[in-house]
Amino acid sequence: MELLLSQAKYTKPIIFHIYIVQPSLSKKNASNDILLLLGNVHHYLATVGNVELKVYCSH
């Protein structure tokens, strides 16, 4: 029974999320450098750590 419980702990997937809240960032007027940076961060987090990135900004 103890073996079954220890195996059950490791089979449950863990999902992490990172949220960036930046009200001064405008979705319409974001520079290419910022978009490139956020895209690279998103790609790195998704491929290396299976982490979901969400960015909240102004319209």
C-alpha atoms as a PDB file:
ATOM      1  CA  MET A   1       0.000   0.000   0.000  1.00  0.00           C
ATOM      2  CA  GLU A   2       2.828   2.398   0.831  1.00  0.00           C
ATOM      3  CA  LEU A   3       4.424   1.763  -2.569  1.00  0.00           C
ATOM      4  CA  LEU A   4       1.155   2.554  -4.311  1.00  0.00           C
ATOM      5  CA  LEU A   5       0.798   5.830  -2.404  1.00  0.00           C
ATOM      6  CA  SER A   6       4.350   6.918  -3.232  1.00  0.00           C
ATOM      7  CA  GLN A   7       3.823   6.175  -6.938  1.00  0.00           C
ATOM      8  CA  ALA A   8       0.530   8.084  -6.981  1.00  0.00           C
ATOM      9  CA  LYS A   9       2.296  11.244  -5.758  1.00  0.00           C
ATOM     10  CA  TYR A  10       4.589  11.326  -8.765  1.00  0.00           C
ATOM     11  CA  THR A  11       1.988  10.721 -11.469  1.00  0.00           C
ATOM     12  CA  LYS A  12      -0.034  13.873 -10.860  1.00  0.00           C
ATOM     13  CA  PRO A  13       1.045  16.596 -13.315  1.00  0.00           C
ATOM     14  CA  ILE A  14       2.078  19.940 -11.874  1.00  0.00           C
ATOM     15  CA  ILE A  15       1.382  22.992 -13.997  1.00  0.00           C
ATOM     16  CA  PHE A  16       2.974  26.340 -13.245  1.00  0.00           C
ATOM     17  CA  HIS A  17       1.865  29.738 -14.467  1.00  0.00           C
ATOM     18  CA  ILE A  18       3.742  33.038 -14.552  1.00  0.00           C
ATOM     19  CA  TYR A  19       1.802  36.260 -14.845  1.00  0.00           C
ATOM     20  CA  ILE A  20       3.310  39.579 -15.922  1.00  0.00           C
ATOM     21  CA  VAL A  21       1.130  42.591 -15.134  1.00  0.00           C
ATOM     22  CA  GLN A  22       2.378  45.738 -16.835  1.00  0.00           C
ATOM     23  CA  PRO A  23      -0.286  48.460 -17.146  1.00  0.00           C
ATOM     24  CA  SER A  24       2.146  50.855 -18.836  1.00  0.00           C
ATOM     25  CA  LEU A  25       2.604  48.396 -21.724  1.00  0.00           C
ATOM     26  CA  SER A  26       0.176  49.070 -24.537  1.00  0.00           C
ATOM     27  CA  LYS A  27      -0.968  46.136 -26.631  1.00  0.00           C
ATOM     28  CA  LYS A  28      -1.231  48.330 -29.742  1.00  0.00           C
ATOM     29  CA  ASN A  29       1.993  50.316 -29.279  1.00  0.00           C
ATOM     30  CA  ALA A  30       4.404  47.663 -27.986  1.00  0.00           C
ATOM     31  CA  SER A  31       7.828  47.932 -29.573  1.00  0.00           C
ATOM     32  CA  ASN A  32       9.298  45.080 -31.571  1.00  0.00           C
ATOM     33  CA  ASP A  33      12.028  44.671 -28.929  1.00  0.00           C
ATOM     34  CA  ILE A  34       9.462  44.115 -26.169  1.00  0.00           C
ATOM     35  CA  LEU A  35       7.455  41.705 -28.311  1.00  0.00           C
ATOM     36  CA  LEU A  36      10.619  39.791 -29.191  1.00  0.00           C
ATOM     37  CA  LEU A  37      11.633  39.603 -25.529  1.00  0.00           C
ATOM     38  CA  LEU A  38       8.211  38.391 -24.406  1.00  0.00           C
ATOM     39  CA  GLY A  39       8.111  35.846 -27.233  1.00  0.00           C
ATOM     40  CA  ASN A  40      11.504  34.459 -26.263  1.00  0.00           C
ATOM     41  CA  VAL A  41      10.552  34.297 -22.582  1.00  0.00           C
ATOM     42  CA  HIS A  42       7.308  32.513 -23.492  1.00  0.00           C
ATOM     43  CA  HIS A  43       9.141  30.022 -25.696  1.00  0.00           C
ATOM     44  CA  TYR A  44      11.840  29.326 -23.097  1.00  0.00           C
ATOM     45  CA  LEU A  45       9.369  28.807 -20.247  1.00  0.00           C
ATOM     46  CA  ALA A  46       7.175  26.541 -22.376  1.00  0.00           C
ATOM     47  CA  THR A  47       9.996  24.349 -23.699  1.00  0.00           C
ATOM     48  CA  VAL A  48      12.254  24.128 -20.653  1.00  0.00           C
ATOM     49  CA  GLY A  49       9.796  24.122 -17.785  1.00  0.00           C
ATOM     50  CA  ASN A  50       6.346  23.556 -19.310  1.00  0.00           C
ATOM     51  CA  VAL A  51       5.324  26.862 -17.716  1.00  0.00           C
ATOM     52  CA  GLU A  52       2.488  28.967 -19.091  1.00  0.00           C
ATOM     53  CA  LEU A  53       3.156  32.702 -19.421  1.00  0.00           C
ATOM     54  CA  LYS A  54       0.362  35.278 -19.351  1.00  0.00           C
ATOM     55  CA  VAL A  55       0.948  38.991 -19.944  1.00  0.00           C
ATOM     56  CA  TYR A  56      -1.620  41.558 -18.847  1.00  0.00           C
ATOM     57  CA  CYS A  57      -1.324  45.054 -20.273  1.00  0.00           C
ATOM     58  CA  SER A  58      -3.476  48.009 -21.260  1.00  0.00           C
ATOM     59  CA  HIS A  59      -5.392  48.108 -24.527  1.00  0.00           C
END
